PDB file of all heavy atoms in Angstrom:
ATOM      1  N   GLU A   1       2.237  -3.135 -15.166  1.00  0.00           N
ATOM      2  CA  GLU A   1       1.102  -2.959 -14.261  1.00  0.00           C
ATOM      3  C   GLU A   1      -0.078  -3.755 -14.795  1.00  0.00           C
ATOM      4  O   GLU A   1      -0.205  -3.982 -16.000  1.00  0.00           O
ATOM      5  CB  GLU A   1       0.730  -1.480 -14.146  1.00  0.00           C
ATOM      6  CG  GLU A   1       0.265  -0.851 -15.455  1.00  0.00           C
ATOM      7  CD  GLU A   1      -0.006   0.637 -15.331  1.00  0.00           C
ATOM      8  OE1 GLU A   1       0.155   1.182 -14.222  1.00  0.00           O
ATOM      9  OE2 GLU A   1      -0.377   1.261 -16.346  1.00  0.00           O
ATOM     10  N   PHE A   2      -0.928  -4.204 -13.870  1.00  0.00           N
ATOM     11  CA  PHE A   2      -2.147  -4.914 -14.250  1.00  0.00           C
ATOM     12  C   PHE A   2      -3.305  -4.320 -13.472  1.00  0.00           C
ATOM     13  O   PHE A   2      -3.348  -4.405 -12.245  1.00  0.00           O
ATOM     14  CB  PHE A   2      -2.010  -6.409 -13.966  1.00  0.00           C
ATOM     15  CG  PHE A   2      -3.215  -7.204 -14.394  1.00  0.00           C
ATOM     16  CD1 PHE A   2      -3.598  -7.256 -15.729  1.00  0.00           C
ATOM     17  CD2 PHE A   2      -3.975  -7.899 -13.455  1.00  0.00           C
ATOM     18  CE1 PHE A   2      -4.713  -7.978 -16.124  1.00  0.00           C
ATOM     19  CE2 PHE A   2      -5.094  -8.629 -13.841  1.00  0.00           C
ATOM     20  CZ  PHE A   2      -5.454  -8.663 -15.186  1.00  0.00           C
ATOM     21  N   ASN A   3      -4.225  -3.667 -14.203  1.00  0.00           N
ATOM     22  CA  ASN A   3      -5.359  -2.986 -13.591  1.00  0.00           C
ATOM     23  C   ASN A   3      -6.655  -3.461 -14.239  1.00  0.00           C
ATOM     24  O   ASN A   3      -7.228  -2.782 -15.097  1.00  0.00           O
ATOM     25  CB  ASN A   3      -5.211  -1.463 -13.763  1.00  0.00           C
ATOM     26  CG  ASN A   3      -3.955  -0.928 -13.107  1.00  0.00           C
ATOM     27  OD1 ASN A   3      -3.756  -1.089 -11.907  1.00  0.00           O
ATOM     28  ND2 ASN A   3      -3.094  -0.286 -13.893  1.00  0.00           N
ATOM     29  N   PRO A   4      -7.141  -4.638 -13.828  1.00  0.00           N
ATOM     30  CA  PRO A   4      -8.355  -5.175 -14.443  1.00  0.00           C
ATOM     31  C   PRO A   4      -9.578  -4.321 -14.104  1.00  0.00           C
ATOM     32  O   PRO A   4      -9.632  -3.655 -13.062  1.00  0.00           O
ATOM     33  CB  PRO A   4      -8.472  -6.566 -13.816  1.00  0.00           C
ATOM     34  CG  PRO A   4      -7.760  -6.458 -12.500  1.00  0.00           C
ATOM     35  CD  PRO A   4      -6.621  -5.501 -12.752  1.00  0.00           C
ATOM     36  N   THR A   5     -10.528  -4.345 -14.997  1.00  0.00           N
ATOM     37  CA  THR A   5     -11.770  -3.589 -14.798  1.00  0.00           C
ATOM     38  C   THR A   5     -12.950  -4.535 -15.014  1.00  0.00           C
ATOM     39  O   THR A   5     -12.778  -5.724 -15.268  1.00  0.00           O
ATOM     40  CB  THR A   5     -11.864  -2.436 -15.814  1.00  0.00           C
ATOM     41  OG1 THR A   5     -12.053  -2.991 -17.135  1.00  0.00           O
ATOM     42  CG2 THR A   5     -10.604  -1.577 -15.807  1.00  0.00           C
ATOM     43  N   GLY A   6     -14.136  -3.997 -14.941  1.00  0.00           N
ATOM     44  CA  GLY A   6     -15.328  -4.777 -15.260  1.00  0.00           C
ATOM     45  C   GLY A   6     -15.470  -5.060 -16.732  1.00  0.00           C
ATOM     46  O   GLY A   6     -16.331  -5.847 -17.143  1.00  0.00           O
ATOM     47  N   ARG A   7     -14.609  -4.452 -17.546  1.00  0.00           N
ATOM     48  CA  ARG A   7     -14.699  -4.631 -18.995  1.00  0.00           C
ATOM     49  C   ARG A   7     -13.598  -5.517 -19.576  1.00  0.00           C
ATOM     50  O   ARG A   7     -13.784  -6.115 -20.638  1.00  0.00           O
ATOM     51  CB  ARG A   7     -14.654  -3.270 -19.692  1.00  0.00           C
ATOM     52  CG  ARG A   7     -15.884  -2.422 -19.475  1.00  0.00           C
ATOM     53  CD  ARG A   7     -15.839  -1.177 -20.353  1.00  0.00           C
ATOM     54  NE  ARG A   7     -17.104  -0.471 -20.324  1.00  0.00           N
ATOM     55  CZ  ARG A   7     -17.390   0.499 -19.469  1.00  0.00           C
ATOM     56  NH1 ARG A   7     -16.490   0.870 -18.571  1.00  0.00           N
ATOM     57  NH2 ARG A   7     -18.568   1.098 -19.505  1.00  0.00           N
ATOM     58  N   GLN A   8     -12.416  -5.572 -18.919  1.00  0.00           N
ATOM     59  CA  GLN A   8     -11.323  -6.365 -19.478  1.00  0.00           C
ATOM     60  C   GLN A   8     -10.378  -6.833 -18.395  1.00  0.00           C
ATOM     61  O   GLN A   8     -10.306  -6.231 -17.315  1.00  0.00           O
ATOM     62  CB  GLN A   8     -10.550  -5.582 -20.545  1.00  0.00           C
ATOM     63  CG  GLN A   8      -9.869  -4.329 -20.026  1.00  0.00           C
ATOM     64  CD  GLN A   8      -8.733  -3.872 -20.910  1.00  0.00           C
ATOM     65  OE1 GLN A   8      -7.774  -4.596 -21.145  1.00  0.00           O
ATOM     66  NE2 GLN A   8      -8.846  -2.645 -21.415  1.00  0.00           N
ATOM     67  N   GLY A   9      -9.660  -7.901 -18.712  1.00  0.00           N
ATOM     68  CA  GLY A   9      -8.694  -8.465 -17.790  1.00  0.00           C
ATOM     69  C   GLY A   9      -7.423  -8.872 -18.509  1.00  0.00           C
ATOM     70  O   GLY A   9      -6.874  -8.107 -19.299  1.00  0.00           O
ATOM     71  N   VAL A  10      -6.965 -10.115 -18.277  1.00  0.00           N
ATOM     72  CA  VAL A  10      -5.692 -10.588 -18.806  1.00  0.00           C
ATOM     73  C   VAL A  10      -5.619 -10.493 -20.321  1.00  0.00           C
ATOM     74  O   VAL A  10      -4.578 -10.144 -20.886  1.00  0.00           O
ATOM     75  CB  VAL A  10      -5.431 -12.036 -18.340  1.00  0.00           C
ATOM     76  CG1 VAL A  10      -4.224 -12.627 -19.052  1.00  0.00           C
ATOM     77  CG2 VAL A  10      -5.220 -12.083 -16.831  1.00  0.00           C
ATOM     78  N   TYR A  11      -6.710 -10.783 -21.011  1.00  0.00           N
ATOM     79  CA  TYR A  11      -6.641 -10.857 -22.468  1.00  0.00           C
ATOM     80  C   TYR A  11      -6.685  -9.503 -23.163  1.00  0.00           C
ATOM     81  O   TYR A  11      -6.349  -9.406 -24.349  1.00  0.00           O
ATOM     82  CB  TYR A  11      -7.767 -11.752 -23.004  1.00  0.00           C
ATOM     83  CG  TYR A  11      -7.668 -13.155 -22.459  1.00  0.00           C
ATOM     84  CD1 TYR A  11      -8.614 -13.638 -21.575  1.00  0.00           C
ATOM     85  CD2 TYR A  11      -6.594 -13.984 -22.801  1.00  0.00           C
ATOM     86  CE1 TYR A  11      -8.522 -14.919 -21.049  1.00  0.00           C
ATOM     87  CE2 TYR A  11      -6.485 -15.252 -22.277  1.00  0.00           C
ATOM     88  CZ  TYR A  11      -7.444 -15.721 -21.403  1.00  0.00           C
ATOM     89  OH  TYR A  11      -7.340 -16.976 -20.882  1.00  0.00           O
ATOM     90  N   GLY A  12      -7.105  -8.445 -22.477  1.00  0.00           N
ATOM     91  CA  GLY A  12      -6.938  -7.104 -23.012  1.00  0.00           C
ATOM     92  C   GLY A  12      -7.958  -6.619 -24.004  1.00  0.00           C
ATOM     93  O   GLY A  12      -7.825  -5.499 -24.518  1.00  0.00           O
ATOM     94  N   GLY A  13      -8.950  -7.437 -24.320  1.00  0.00           N
ATOM     95  CA  GLY A  13     -10.040  -6.959 -25.168  1.00  0.00           C
ATOM     96  C   GLY A  13      -9.625  -6.460 -26.534  1.00  0.00           C
ATOM     97  O   GLY A  13     -10.270  -5.571 -27.097  1.00  0.00           O
ATOM     98  N   TYR A  14      -8.548  -6.994 -27.095  1.00  0.00           N
ATOM     99  CA  TYR A  14      -8.044  -6.574 -28.413  1.00  0.00           C
ATOM    100  C   TYR A  14      -7.634  -5.099 -28.462  1.00  0.00           C
ATOM    101  O   TYR A  14      -7.544  -4.495 -29.542  1.00  0.00           O
ATOM    102  CB  TYR A  14      -9.070  -6.835 -29.524  1.00  0.00           C
ATOM    103  CG  TYR A  14      -9.398  -8.282 -29.747  1.00  0.00           C
ATOM    104  CD1 TYR A  14     -10.660  -8.768 -29.442  1.00  0.00           C
ATOM    105  CD2 TYR A  14      -8.461  -9.168 -30.261  1.00  0.00           C
ATOM    106  CE1 TYR A  14     -10.978 -10.101 -29.639  1.00  0.00           C
ATOM    107  CE2 TYR A  14      -8.757 -10.503 -30.465  1.00  0.00           C
ATOM    108  CZ  TYR A  14     -10.014 -10.968 -30.144  1.00  0.00           C
ATOM    109  OH  TYR A  14     -10.329 -12.288 -30.335  1.00  0.00           O
ATOM    110  N   GLN A  15      -7.363  -4.506 -27.324  1.00  0.00           N
ATOM    111  CA  GLN A  15      -7.019  -3.086 -27.291  1.00  0.00           C
ATOM    112  C   GLN A  15      -5.531  -2.880 -27.549  1.00  0.00           C
ATOM    113  O   GLN A  15      -4.707  -3.778 -27.377  1.00  0.00           O
ATOM    114  CB  GLN A  15      -7.386  -2.497 -25.933  1.00  0.00           C
ATOM    115  CG  GLN A  15      -8.856  -2.595 -25.601  1.00  0.00           C
ATOM    116  CD  GLN A  15      -9.730  -1.972 -26.675  1.00  0.00           C
ATOM    117  OE1 GLN A  15      -9.704  -0.752 -26.865  1.00  0.00           O
ATOM    118  NE2 GLN A  15     -10.509  -2.792 -27.371  1.00  0.00           N
ATOM    119  N   ASN A  16      -5.195  -1.673 -27.979  1.00  0.00           N
ATOM    120  CA  ASN A  16      -3.794  -1.296 -28.087  1.00  0.00           C
ATOM    121  C   ASN A  16      -3.182  -1.259 -26.688  1.00  0.00           C
ATOM    122  O   ASN A  16      -3.887  -1.184 -25.681  1.00  0.00           O
ATOM    123  CB  ASN A  16      -3.655   0.070 -28.753  1.00  0.00           C
ATOM    124  CG  ASN A  16      -4.078   0.036 -30.212  1.00  0.00           C
ATOM    125  OD1 ASN A  16      -3.844  -0.941 -30.909  1.00  0.00           O
ATOM    126  ND2 ASN A  16      -4.714   1.114 -30.666  1.00  0.00           N
ATOM    127  N   TRP A  17      -1.829  -1.274 -26.637  1.00  0.00           N
ATOM    128  CA  TRP A  17      -1.160  -1.358 -25.342  1.00  0.00           C
ATOM    129  C   TRP A  17      -1.609  -0.272 -24.380  1.00  0.00           C
ATOM    130  O   TRP A  17      -1.776  -0.508 -23.181  1.00  0.00           O
ATOM    131  CB  TRP A  17       0.359  -1.303 -25.532  1.00  0.00           C
ATOM    132  CG  TRP A  17       0.947  -2.624 -25.888  1.00  0.00           C
ATOM    133  CD1 TRP A  17       1.500  -2.996 -27.075  1.00  0.00           C
ATOM    134  CD2 TRP A  17       1.030  -3.780 -25.033  1.00  0.00           C
ATOM    135  NE1 TRP A  17       1.917  -4.322 -27.023  1.00  0.00           N
ATOM    136  CE2 TRP A  17       1.648  -4.813 -25.789  1.00  0.00           C
ATOM    137  CE3 TRP A  17       0.639  -4.047 -23.721  1.00  0.00           C
ATOM    138  CZ2 TRP A  17       1.889  -6.081 -25.252  1.00  0.00           C
ATOM    139  CZ3 TRP A  17       0.875  -5.306 -23.197  1.00  0.00           C
ATOM    140  CH2 TRP A  17       1.488  -6.302 -23.953  1.00  0.00           C
ATOM    141  N   ILE A  18      -1.812   0.926 -24.862  1.00  0.00           N
ATOM    142  CA  ILE A  18      -2.131   2.034 -23.964  1.00  0.00           C
ATOM    143  C   ILE A  18      -3.490   1.852 -23.294  1.00  0.00           C
ATOM    144  O   ILE A  18      -3.758   2.389 -22.214  1.00  0.00           O
ATOM    145  CB  ILE A  18      -2.059   3.384 -24.710  1.00  0.00           C
ATOM    146  CG1 ILE A  18      -1.955   4.527 -23.700  1.00  0.00           C
ATOM    147  CG2 ILE A  18      -3.238   3.564 -25.643  1.00  0.00           C
ATOM    148  CD1 ILE A  18      -1.595   5.848 -24.320  1.00  0.00           C
ATOM    149  N   ASP A  19      -4.370   1.054 -23.910  1.00  0.00           N
ATOM    150  CA  ASP A  19      -5.723   0.869 -23.389  1.00  0.00           C
ATOM    151  C   ASP A  19      -5.939  -0.497 -22.749  1.00  0.00           C
ATOM    152  O   ASP A  19      -7.071  -0.852 -22.411  1.00  0.00           O
ATOM    153  CB  ASP A  19      -6.748   1.055 -24.520  1.00  0.00           C
ATOM    154  CG  ASP A  19      -6.725   2.462 -25.079  1.00  0.00           C
ATOM    155  OD1 ASP A  19      -6.649   3.403 -24.263  1.00  0.00           O
ATOM    156  OD2 ASP A  19      -6.772   2.617 -26.308  1.00  0.00           O
ATOM    157  N   ARG A  20      -4.872  -1.253 -22.552  1.00  0.00           N
ATOM    158  CA  ARG A  20      -5.001  -2.592 -21.974  1.00  0.00           C
ATOM    159  C   ARG A  20      -4.966  -2.543 -20.451  1.00  0.00           C
ATOM    160  O   ARG A  20      -4.344  -1.653 -19.860  1.00  0.00           O
ATOM    161  CB  ARG A  20      -3.871  -3.502 -22.478  1.00  0.00           C
ATOM    162  CG  ARG A  20      -3.962  -3.853 -23.949  1.00  0.00           C
ATOM    163  CD  ARG A  20      -2.737  -4.639 -24.397  1.00  0.00           C
ATOM    164  NE  ARG A  20      -2.625  -5.903 -23.680  1.00  0.00           N
ATOM    165  CZ  ARG A  20      -3.128  -7.059 -24.097  1.00  0.00           C
ATOM    166  NH1 ARG A  20      -3.794  -7.108 -25.242  1.00  0.00           N
ATOM    167  NH2 ARG A  20      -2.975  -8.160 -23.383  1.00  0.00           N
ATOM    168  N   ALA A  21      -5.601  -3.539 -19.820  1.00  0.00           N
ATOM    169  CA  ALA A  21      -5.528  -3.664 -18.363  1.00  0.00           C
ATOM    170  C   ALA A  21      -4.094  -3.964 -17.930  1.00  0.00           C
ATOM    171  O   ALA A  21      -3.630  -3.500 -16.886  1.00  0.00           O
ATOM    172  CB  ALA A  21      -6.473  -4.759 -17.875  1.00  0.00           C
ATOM    173  N   GLY A  22      -3.403  -4.759 -18.716  1.00  0.00           N
ATOM    174  CA  GLY A  22      -2.002  -5.069 -18.454  1.00  0.00           C
ATOM    175  C   GLY A  22      -1.108  -4.307 -19.414  1.00  0.00           C
ATOM    176  O   GLY A  22      -1.264  -4.423 -20.634  1.00  0.00           O
ATOM    177  N   ARG A  23      -0.189  -3.508 -18.859  1.00  0.00           N
ATOM    178  CA  ARG A  23       0.688  -2.692 -19.705  1.00  0.00           C
ATOM    179  C   ARG A  23       2.112  -2.760 -19.178  1.00  0.00           C
ATOM    180  O   ARG A  23       2.346  -2.819 -17.965  1.00  0.00           O
ATOM    181  CB  ARG A  23       0.255  -1.222 -19.702  1.00  0.00           C
ATOM    182  CG  ARG A  23      -1.175  -0.977 -20.060  1.00  0.00           C
ATOM    183  CD  ARG A  23      -1.469   0.503 -20.237  1.00  0.00           C
ATOM    184  NE  ARG A  23      -1.332   1.284 -19.008  1.00  0.00           N
ATOM    185  CZ  ARG A  23      -1.747   2.534 -18.865  1.00  0.00           C
ATOM    186  NH1 ARG A  23      -2.310   3.155 -19.887  1.00  0.00           N
ATOM    187  NH2 ARG A  23      -1.591   3.176 -17.722  1.00  0.00           N
ATOM    188  N   PHE A  24       3.077  -2.737 -20.098  1.00  0.00           N
ATOM    189  CA  PHE A  24       4.471  -2.561 -19.702  1.00  0.00           C
ATOM    190  C   PHE A  24       4.699  -1.080 -19.415  1.00  0.00           C
ATOM    191  O   PHE A  24       4.135  -0.208 -20.080  1.00  0.00           O
ATOM    192  CB  PHE A  24       5.409  -3.038 -20.802  1.00  0.00           C
ATOM    193  CG  PHE A  24       5.259  -4.496 -21.123  1.00  0.00           C
ATOM    194  CD1 PHE A  24       5.038  -4.915 -22.423  1.00  0.00           C
ATOM    195  CD2 PHE A  24       5.325  -5.451 -20.127  1.00  0.00           C
ATOM    196  CE1 PHE A  24       4.897  -6.257 -22.724  1.00  0.00           C
ATOM    197  CE2 PHE A  24       5.185  -6.794 -20.407  1.00  0.00           C
ATOM    198  CZ  PHE A  24       4.972  -7.206 -21.709  1.00  0.00           C
ATOM    199  N   ARG A  25       5.553  -0.819 -18.406  1.00  0.00           N
ATOM    200  CA  ARG A  25       5.823   0.551 -18.010  1.00  0.00           C
ATOM    201  C   ARG A  25       7.324   0.767 -17.846  1.00  0.00           C
ATOM    202  O   ARG A  25       8.101  -0.168 -17.693  1.00  0.00           O
ATOM    203  CB  ARG A  25       5.126   0.874 -16.680  1.00  0.00           C
ATOM    204  CG  ARG A  25       3.598   0.769 -16.696  1.00  0.00           C
ATOM    205  CD  ARG A  25       2.956   1.754 -17.694  1.00  0.00           C
ATOM    206  NE  ARG A  25       3.407   3.112 -17.473  1.00  0.00           N
ATOM    207  CZ  ARG A  25       2.864   3.950 -16.584  1.00  0.00           C
ATOM    208  NH1 ARG A  25       1.860   3.556 -15.815  1.00  0.00           N
ATOM    209  NH2 ARG A  25       3.324   5.183 -16.463  1.00  0.00           N
ATOM    210  N   SER A  26       7.732   2.017 -17.874  1.00  0.00           N
ATOM    211  CA  SER A  26       9.122   2.357 -17.581  1.00  0.00           C
ATOM    212  C   SER A  26       9.427   2.025 -16.125  1.00  0.00           C
ATOM    213  O   SER A  26       8.526   1.993 -15.268  1.00  0.00           O
ATOM    214  CB  SER A  26       9.376   3.841 -17.847  1.00  0.00           C
ATOM    215  OG  SER A  26       9.395   4.093 -19.238  1.00  0.00           O
ATOM    216  N   LEU A  27      10.708   1.778 -15.856  1.00  0.00           N
ATOM    217  CA  LEU A  27      11.090   1.351 -14.511  1.00  0.00           C
ATOM    218  C   LEU A  27      10.662   2.363 -13.442  1.00  0.00           C
ATOM    219  O   LEU A  27      10.919   3.557 -13.564  1.00  0.00           O
ATOM    220  CB  LEU A  27      12.600   1.135 -14.440  1.00  0.00           C
ATOM    221  CG  LEU A  27      13.112  -0.097 -15.177  1.00  0.00           C
ATOM    222  CD1 LEU A  27      14.635  -0.208 -15.055  1.00  0.00           C
ATOM    223  CD2 LEU A  27      12.455  -1.361 -14.641  1.00  0.00           C
ATOM    224  N   GLY A  28       9.994   1.844 -12.417  1.00  0.00           N
ATOM    225  CA  GLY A  28       9.518   2.679 -11.333  1.00  0.00           C
ATOM    226  C   GLY A  28       8.112   3.189 -11.519  1.00  0.00           C
ATOM    227  O   GLY A  28       7.502   3.693 -10.570  1.00  0.00           O
ATOM    228  N   ASP A  29       7.547   3.041 -12.725  1.00  0.00           N
ATOM    229  CA  ASP A  29       6.203   3.536 -12.998  1.00  0.00           C
ATOM    230  C   ASP A  29       5.147   2.439 -12.902  1.00  0.00           C
ATOM    231  O   ASP A  29       3.949   2.727 -13.009  1.00  0.00           O
ATOM    232  CB  ASP A  29       6.134   4.164 -14.399  1.00  0.00           C
ATOM    233  CG  ASP A  29       6.976   5.421 -14.510  1.00  0.00           C
ATOM    234  OD1 ASP A  29       7.344   5.982 -13.460  1.00  0.00           O
ATOM    235  OD2 ASP A  29       7.277   5.842 -15.642  1.00  0.00           O
ATOM    236  N   GLY A  30       5.578   1.190 -12.740  1.00  0.00           N
ATOM    237  CA  GLY A  30       4.647   0.081 -12.690  1.00  0.00           C
ATOM    238  C   GLY A  30       4.467  -0.477 -11.291  1.00  0.00           C
ATOM    239  O   GLY A  30       4.690   0.219 -10.292  1.00  0.00           O
ATOM    240  N   GLN A  31       4.095  -1.750 -11.213  1.00  0.00           N
ATOM    241  CA  GLN A  31       3.737  -2.375  -9.938  1.00  0.00           C
ATOM    242  C   GLN A  31       4.737  -3.432  -9.473  1.00  0.00           C
ATOM    243  O   GLN A  31       4.554  -4.027  -8.411  1.00  0.00           O
ATOM    244  CB  GLN A  31       2.358  -3.034 -10.077  1.00  0.00           C
ATOM    245  CG  GLN A  31       1.234  -2.062 -10.388  1.00  0.00           C
ATOM    246  CD  GLN A  31      -0.047  -2.756 -10.803  1.00  0.00           C
ATOM    247  OE1 GLN A  31      -0.056  -3.958 -11.068  1.00  0.00           O
ATOM    248  NE2 GLN A  31      -1.126  -2.001 -10.868  1.00  0.00           N
ATOM    249  N   VAL A  32       5.791  -3.670 -10.216  1.00  0.00           N
ATOM    250  CA  VAL A  32       6.731  -4.730  -9.849  1.00  0.00           C
ATOM    251  C   VAL A  32       7.491  -4.352  -8.582  1.00  0.00           C
ATOM    252  O   VAL A  32       7.997  -3.227  -8.453  1.00  0.00           O
ATOM    253  CB  VAL A  32       7.719  -5.008 -11.001  1.00  0.00           C
ATOM    254  CG1 VAL A  32       8.763  -6.048 -10.565  1.00  0.00           C
ATOM    255  CG2 VAL A  32       6.977  -5.512 -12.237  1.00  0.00           C
ATOM    256  N   ASP A  33       7.597  -5.302  -7.666  1.00  0.00           N
ATOM    257  CA  ASP A  33       8.315  -5.098  -6.408  1.00  0.00           C
ATOM    258  C   ASP A  33       9.796  -5.423  -6.621  1.00  0.00           C
ATOM    259  O   ASP A  33      10.267  -6.508  -6.307  1.00  0.00           O
ATOM    260  CB  ASP A  33       7.704  -6.005  -5.334  1.00  0.00           C
ATOM    261  CG  ASP A  33       8.382  -5.860  -3.979  1.00  0.00           C
ATOM    262  OD1 ASP A  33       9.308  -5.029  -3.852  1.00  0.00           O
ATOM    263  OD2 ASP A  33       7.997  -6.599  -3.050  1.00  0.00           O
ATOM    264  N   PHE A  34      10.522  -4.463  -7.151  1.00  0.00           N
ATOM    265  CA  PHE A  34      11.924  -4.704  -7.482  1.00  0.00           C
ATOM    266  C   PHE A  34      12.808  -4.809  -6.251  1.00  0.00           C
ATOM    267  O   PHE A  34      13.845  -5.480  -6.295  1.00  0.00           O
ATOM    268  CB  PHE A  34      12.440  -3.623  -8.433  1.00  0.00           C
ATOM    269  CG  PHE A  34      12.000  -3.829  -9.854  1.00  0.00           C
ATOM    270  CD1 PHE A  34      11.053  -2.996 -10.428  1.00  0.00           C
ATOM    271  CD2 PHE A  34      12.522  -4.863 -10.619  1.00  0.00           C
ATOM    272  CE1 PHE A  34      10.634  -3.186 -11.733  1.00  0.00           C
ATOM    273  CE2 PHE A  34      12.110  -5.062 -11.927  1.00  0.00           C
ATOM    274  CZ  PHE A  34      11.163  -4.220 -12.482  1.00  0.00           C
ATOM    275  N   LYS A  35      12.449  -4.170  -5.152  1.00  0.00           N
ATOM    276  CA  LYS A  35      13.254  -4.315  -3.936  1.00  0.00           C
ATOM    277  C   LYS A  35      13.305  -5.780  -3.518  1.00  0.00           C
ATOM    278  O   LYS A  35      14.368  -6.304  -3.172  1.00  0.00           O
ATOM    279  CB  LYS A  35      12.687  -3.445  -2.814  1.00  0.00           C
ATOM    280  CG  LYS A  35      12.982  -1.957  -2.961  1.00  0.00           C
ATOM    281  CD  LYS A  35      12.523  -1.200  -1.731  1.00  0.00           C
ATOM    282  CE  LYS A  35      12.828   0.293  -1.854  1.00  0.00           C
ATOM    283  NZ  LYS A  35      14.281   0.567  -1.886  1.00  0.00           N
ATOM    284  N   SER A  36      12.169  -6.449  -3.566  1.00  0.00           N
ATOM    285  CA  SER A  36      12.134  -7.863  -3.189  1.00  0.00           C
ATOM    286  C   SER A  36      12.842  -8.727  -4.221  1.00  0.00           C
ATOM    287  O   SER A  36      13.516  -9.704  -3.869  1.00  0.00           O
ATOM    288  CB  SER A  36      10.683  -8.329  -3.023  1.00  0.00           C
ATOM    289  OG  SER A  36      10.078  -7.689  -1.920  1.00  0.00           O
ATOM    290  N   ILE A  37      12.710  -8.380  -5.487  1.00  0.00           N
ATOM    291  CA  ILE A  37      13.375  -9.150  -6.539  1.00  0.00           C
ATOM    292  C   ILE A  37      14.888  -9.076  -6.384  1.00  0.00           C
ATOM    293  O   ILE A  37      15.581 -10.103  -6.405  1.00  0.00           O
ATOM    294  CB  ILE A  37      12.948  -8.658  -7.934  1.00  0.00           C
ATOM    295  CG1 ILE A  37      11.508  -9.074  -8.219  1.00  0.00           C
ATOM    296  CG2 ILE A  37      13.889  -9.208  -9.019  1.00  0.00           C
ATOM    297  CD1 ILE A  37      10.950  -8.510  -9.504  1.00  0.00           C
ATOM    298  N   PHE A  38      15.419  -7.875  -6.242  1.00  0.00           N
ATOM    299  CA  PHE A  38      16.866  -7.731  -6.105  1.00  0.00           C
ATOM    300  C   PHE A  38      17.359  -8.412  -4.833  1.00  0.00           C
ATOM    301  O   PHE A  38      18.467  -8.955  -4.800  1.00  0.00           O
ATOM    302  CB  PHE A  38      17.271  -6.263  -6.158  1.00  0.00           C
ATOM    303  CG  PHE A  38      17.449  -5.721  -7.546  1.00  0.00           C
ATOM    304  CD1 PHE A  38      16.363  -5.245  -8.269  1.00  0.00           C
ATOM    305  CD2 PHE A  38      18.699  -5.710  -8.153  1.00  0.00           C
ATOM    306  CE1 PHE A  38      16.524  -4.757  -9.565  1.00  0.00           C
ATOM    307  CE2 PHE A  38      18.872  -5.223  -9.438  1.00  0.00           C
ATOM    308  CZ  PHE A  38      17.780  -4.751 -10.157  1.00  0.00           C
ATOM    309  N   SER A  39      16.554  -8.395  -3.783  1.00  0.00           N
ATOM    310  CA  SER A  39      16.937  -9.092  -2.553  1.00  0.00           C
ATOM    311  C   SER A  39      17.025 -10.591  -2.784  1.00  0.00           C
ATOM    312  O   SER A  39      17.973 -11.253  -2.340  1.00  0.00           O
ATOM    313  CB  SER A  39      15.927  -8.794  -1.441  1.00  0.00           C
ATOM    314  OG  SER A  39      15.979  -7.447  -1.055  1.00  0.00           O
ATOM    315  N   LYS A  40      16.041 -11.146  -3.483  1.00  0.00           N
ATOM    316  CA  LYS A  40      16.066 -12.584  -3.755  1.00  0.00           C
ATOM    317  C   LYS A  40      17.221 -12.951  -4.685  1.00  0.00           C
ATOM    318  O   LYS A  40      17.864 -13.995  -4.504  1.00  0.00           O
ATOM    319  CB  LYS A  40      14.729 -13.030  -4.352  1.00  0.00           C
ATOM    320  CG  LYS A  40      13.629 -13.188  -3.325  1.00  0.00           C
ATOM    321  CD  LYS A  40      12.395 -13.829  -3.913  1.00  0.00           C
ATOM    322  CE  LYS A  40      11.327 -14.008  -2.849  1.00  0.00           C
ATOM    323  NZ  LYS A  40      11.690 -15.059  -1.869  1.00  0.00           N
ATOM    324  N   MET A  41      17.501 -12.125  -5.658  1.00  0.00           N
ATOM    325  CA  MET A  41      18.609 -12.414  -6.563  1.00  0.00           C
ATOM    326  C   MET A  41      19.934 -12.418  -5.803  1.00  0.00           C
ATOM    327  O   MET A  41      20.807 -13.257  -6.054  1.00  0.00           O
ATOM    328  CB  MET A  41      18.644 -11.403  -7.712  1.00  0.00           C
ATOM    329  CG  MET A  41      17.423 -11.444  -8.614  1.00  0.00           C
ATOM    330  SD  MET A  41      17.204 -13.020  -9.448  1.00  0.00           S
ATOM    331  CE  MET A  41      17.495 -12.544 -11.129  1.00  0.00           C
TER     332      MET A  41
END
């Protein structure tokens, strides 16, 4: 997921993963459109 704020964006402000605008998530908990990906594959 990528949730930019007025304080941080792509670079993450040197924060740990849990406090970054961009974070990896368990499957289904993030923003990736897997239905479209599997369709294209």
